[in-house]
Amino acid sequence: MAALYLVSQPDAHRFSILAEEFPVKLSAFNELSRDIRKAGIEIKHLVLLDNKIFIEQGCVELFLRRFGHELRGMRYTPAGRFARNIVTVRGIDVAWYSLLKEQDQ
């Protein structure tokens, strides 16, 4: 008989300023955030530890026009009445929230 063991996820690898890859990741994160701002896209939050940049939902169309050719992996996660949309650009997750549409009953 098989057993099911529920185990919490291991803690995500945290950045360490002593790690060799830290300056490279920080540089890529800063470069993308600068390019996003230069394109006129409003940044809501920068979360370096999670390697995520959150942008305003109203700027998504502009973001997709400007960075569409660099997109890698598009996904979304329901979060209550909202969906968290995430795309990867240059190895960094760019996210925004959009309102979920209710189904007609």
C-alpha atoms as a PDB file:
ATOM      1  CA  MET A   1       0.000   0.000   0.000  1.00  0.00           C
ATOM      2  CA  ALA A   2       1.362   3.382  -0.965  1.00  0.00           C
ATOM      3  CA  ALA A   3       1.687   6.168   1.546  1.00  0.00           C
ATOM      4  CA  LEU A   4       1.335   9.856   0.888  1.00  0.00           C
ATOM      5  CA  TYR A   5       3.635  12.177   2.762  1.00  0.00           C
ATOM      6  CA  LEU A   6       2.965  15.885   2.639  1.00  0.00           C
ATOM      7  CA  VAL A   7       6.151  17.844   2.929  1.00  0.00           C
ATOM      8  CA  SER A   8       6.490  21.586   2.733  1.00  0.00           C
ATOM      9  CA  GLN A   9       8.485  22.978  -0.140  1.00  0.00           C
ATOM     10  CA  PRO A  10      12.109  23.651   0.617  1.00  0.00           C
ATOM     11  CA  ASP A  11      12.957  27.302   1.073  1.00  0.00           C
ATOM     12  CA  ALA A  12      13.756  28.994  -2.193  1.00  0.00           C
ATOM     13  CA  HIS A  13      17.433  29.660  -2.753  1.00  0.00           C
ATOM     14  CA  ARG A  14      18.084  33.116  -1.361  1.00  0.00           C
ATOM     15  CA  PHE A  15      20.510  35.513  -2.916  1.00  0.00           C
ATOM     16  CA  SER A  16      23.713  36.033  -1.044  1.00  0.00           C
ATOM     17  CA  ILE A  17      25.882  39.047  -1.744  1.00  0.00           C
ATOM     18  CA  LEU A  18      28.861  36.739  -1.280  1.00  0.00           C
ATOM     19  CA  ALA A  19      27.782  34.342  -4.030  1.00  0.00           C
ATOM     20  CA  GLU A  20      29.611  34.581  -7.332  1.00  0.00           C
ATOM     21  CA  GLU A  21      26.381  34.771  -9.344  1.00  0.00           C
ATOM     22  CA  PHE A  22      24.948  37.673  -7.305  1.00  0.00           C
ATOM     23  CA  PRO A  23      26.570  40.552  -9.265  1.00  0.00           C
ATOM     24  CA  VAL A  24      25.484  38.992 -12.566  1.00  0.00           C
ATOM     25  CA  LYS A  25      21.868  38.539 -11.410  1.00  0.00           C
ATOM     26  CA  LEU A  26      21.764  42.011  -9.865  1.00  0.00           C
ATOM     27  CA  SER A  27      23.111  43.555 -13.056  1.00  0.00           C
ATOM     28  CA  ALA A  28      20.505  41.777 -15.224  1.00  0.00           C
ATOM     29  CA  PHE A  29      17.711  42.752 -12.793  1.00  0.00           C
ATOM     30  CA  ASN A  30      18.782  46.410 -12.774  1.00  0.00           C
ATOM     31  CA  GLU A  31      19.242  46.528 -16.546  1.00  0.00           C
ATOM     32  CA  LEU A  32      15.754  45.155 -17.225  1.00  0.00           C
ATOM     33  CA  SER A  33      14.140  47.490 -14.677  1.00  0.00           C
ATOM     34  CA  ARG A  34      15.899  50.469 -16.314  1.00  0.00           C
ATOM     35  CA  ASP A  35      14.779  49.346 -19.793  1.00  0.00           C
ATOM     36  CA  ILE A  36      11.195  48.921 -18.583  1.00  0.00           C
ATOM     37  CA  ARG A  37      11.193  52.443 -17.133  1.00  0.00           C
ATOM     38  CA  LYS A  38      12.775  53.878 -20.309  1.00  0.00           C
ATOM     39  CA  ALA A  39       9.934  52.334 -22.318  1.00  0.00           C
ATOM     40  CA  GLY A  40       7.456  54.352 -20.211  1.00  0.00           C
ATOM     41  CA  ILE A  41       6.123  51.365 -18.286  1.00  0.00           C
ATOM     42  CA  GLU A  42       5.244  52.002 -14.648  1.00  0.00           C
ATOM     43  CA  ILE A  43       6.847  49.633 -12.147  1.00  0.00           C
ATOM     44  CA  LYS A  44       4.824  48.910  -9.003  1.00  0.00           C
ATOM     45  CA  HIS A  45       7.298  46.728  -7.080  1.00  0.00           C
ATOM     46  CA  LEU A  46      10.825  45.413  -7.453  1.00  0.00           C
ATOM     47  CA  VAL A  47      11.391  42.150  -5.566  1.00  0.00           C
ATOM     48  CA  LEU A  48      15.029  41.175  -6.038  1.00  0.00           C
ATOM     49  CA  LEU A  49      14.846  38.189  -3.665  1.00  0.00           C
ATOM     50  CA  ASP A  50      12.113  36.605  -5.803  1.00  0.00           C
ATOM     51  CA  ASN A  51      13.656  37.846  -9.058  1.00  0.00           C
ATOM     52  CA  LYS A  52      10.354  39.609  -9.933  1.00  0.00           C
ATOM     53  CA  ILE A  53       9.330  42.968 -11.270  1.00  0.00           C
ATOM     54  CA  PHE A  54       5.651  43.917 -10.886  1.00  0.00           C
ATOM     55  CA  ILE A  55       4.225  46.357 -13.428  1.00  0.00           C
ATOM     56  CA  GLU A  56       0.951  48.280 -13.587  1.00  0.00           C
ATOM     57  CA  GLN A  57      -1.869  46.417 -15.336  1.00  0.00           C
ATOM     58  CA  GLY A  58      -2.553  49.458 -17.528  1.00  0.00           C
ATOM     59  CA  CYS A  59       0.963  49.223 -18.996  1.00  0.00           C
ATOM     60  CA  VAL A  60       0.759  45.578 -20.076  1.00  0.00           C
ATOM     61  CA  GLU A  61      -0.030  46.309 -23.732  1.00  0.00           C
ATOM     62  CA  LEU A  62       2.949  48.653 -23.994  1.00  0.00           C
ATOM     63  CA  PHE A  63       5.138  46.102 -22.206  1.00  0.00           C
ATOM     64  CA  LEU A  64       4.103  43.339 -24.630  1.00  0.00           C
ATOM     65  CA  ARG A  65       4.755  45.562 -27.661  1.00  0.00           C
ATOM     66  CA  ARG A  66       8.175  46.600 -26.390  1.00  0.00           C
ATOM     67  CA  PHE A  67       9.393  43.282 -24.910  1.00  0.00           C
ATOM     68  CA  GLY A  68       7.219  40.733 -26.747  1.00  0.00           C
ATOM     69  CA  HIS A  69      10.123  39.353 -28.751  1.00  0.00           C
ATOM     70  CA  GLU A  70      11.986  38.591 -25.493  1.00  0.00           C
ATOM     71  CA  LEU A  71       9.182  36.720 -23.694  1.00  0.00           C
ATOM     72  CA  ARG A  72       9.939  33.242 -22.413  1.00  0.00           C
ATOM     73  CA  GLY A  73       7.262  31.271 -20.588  1.00  0.00           C
ATOM     74  CA  MET A  74       3.880  32.822 -19.958  1.00  0.00           C
ATOM     75  CA  ARG A  75       1.781  31.656 -17.012  1.00  0.00           C
ATOM     76  CA  TYR A  76      -0.888  32.821 -14.620  1.00  0.00           C
ATOM     77  CA  THR A  77      -2.084  31.884 -11.159  1.00  0.00           C
ATOM     78  CA  PRO A  78      -5.543  32.672  -9.771  1.00  0.00           C
ATOM     79  CA  ALA A  79      -5.374  34.766  -6.606  1.00  0.00           C
ATOM     80  CA  GLY A  80      -8.923  35.328  -5.370  1.00  0.00           C
ATOM     81  CA  ARG A  81     -10.722  37.685  -7.747  1.00  0.00           C
ATOM     82  CA  PHE A  82      -7.466  38.382  -9.566  1.00  0.00           C
ATOM     83  CA  ALA A  83      -5.006  36.496 -11.723  1.00  0.00           C
ATOM     84  CA  ARG A  84      -1.261  36.949 -11.278  1.00  0.00           C
ATOM     85  CA  ASN A  85       0.175  36.963 -14.798  1.00  0.00           C
ATOM     86  CA  ILE A  86       3.882  36.230 -15.121  1.00  0.00           C
ATOM     87  CA  VAL A  87       6.226  36.236 -18.093  1.00  0.00           C
ATOM     88  CA  THR A  88       9.965  35.706 -18.090  1.00  0.00           C
ATOM     89  CA  VAL A  89      12.174  38.254 -19.821  1.00  0.00           C
ATOM     90  CA  ARG A  90      15.971  37.908 -19.751  1.00  0.00           C
ATOM     91  CA  GLY A  91      15.664  35.372 -16.934  1.00  0.00           C
ATOM     92  CA  ILE A  92      13.602  37.718 -14.741  1.00  0.00           C
ATOM     93  CA  ASP A  93       9.898  37.305 -13.989  1.00  0.00           C
ATOM     94  CA  VAL A  94       7.705  40.268 -14.867  1.00  0.00           C
ATOM     95  CA  ALA A  95       4.285  40.108 -13.226  1.00  0.00           C
ATOM     96  CA  TRP A  96       1.013  42.015 -13.103  1.00  0.00           C
ATOM     97  CA  TYR A  97      -2.436  41.419 -11.668  1.00  0.00           C
ATOM     98  CA  SER A  98      -5.603  41.387 -13.734  1.00  0.00           C
ATOM     99  CA  LEU A  99      -9.215  41.011 -12.690  1.00  0.00           C
ATOM    100  CA  LEU A 100     -10.714  37.580 -13.371  1.00  0.00           C
ATOM    101  CA  LYS A 101     -13.930  37.660 -15.355  1.00  0.00           C
ATOM    102  CA  GLU A 102     -16.857  35.899 -13.751  1.00  0.00           C
ATOM    103  CA  GLN A 103     -18.601  33.283 -15.844  1.00  0.00           C
ATOM    104  CA  ASP A 104     -22.167  33.989 -16.864  1.00  0.00           C
ATOM    105  CA  GLN A 105     -24.587  31.739 -15.024  1.00  0.00           C
END
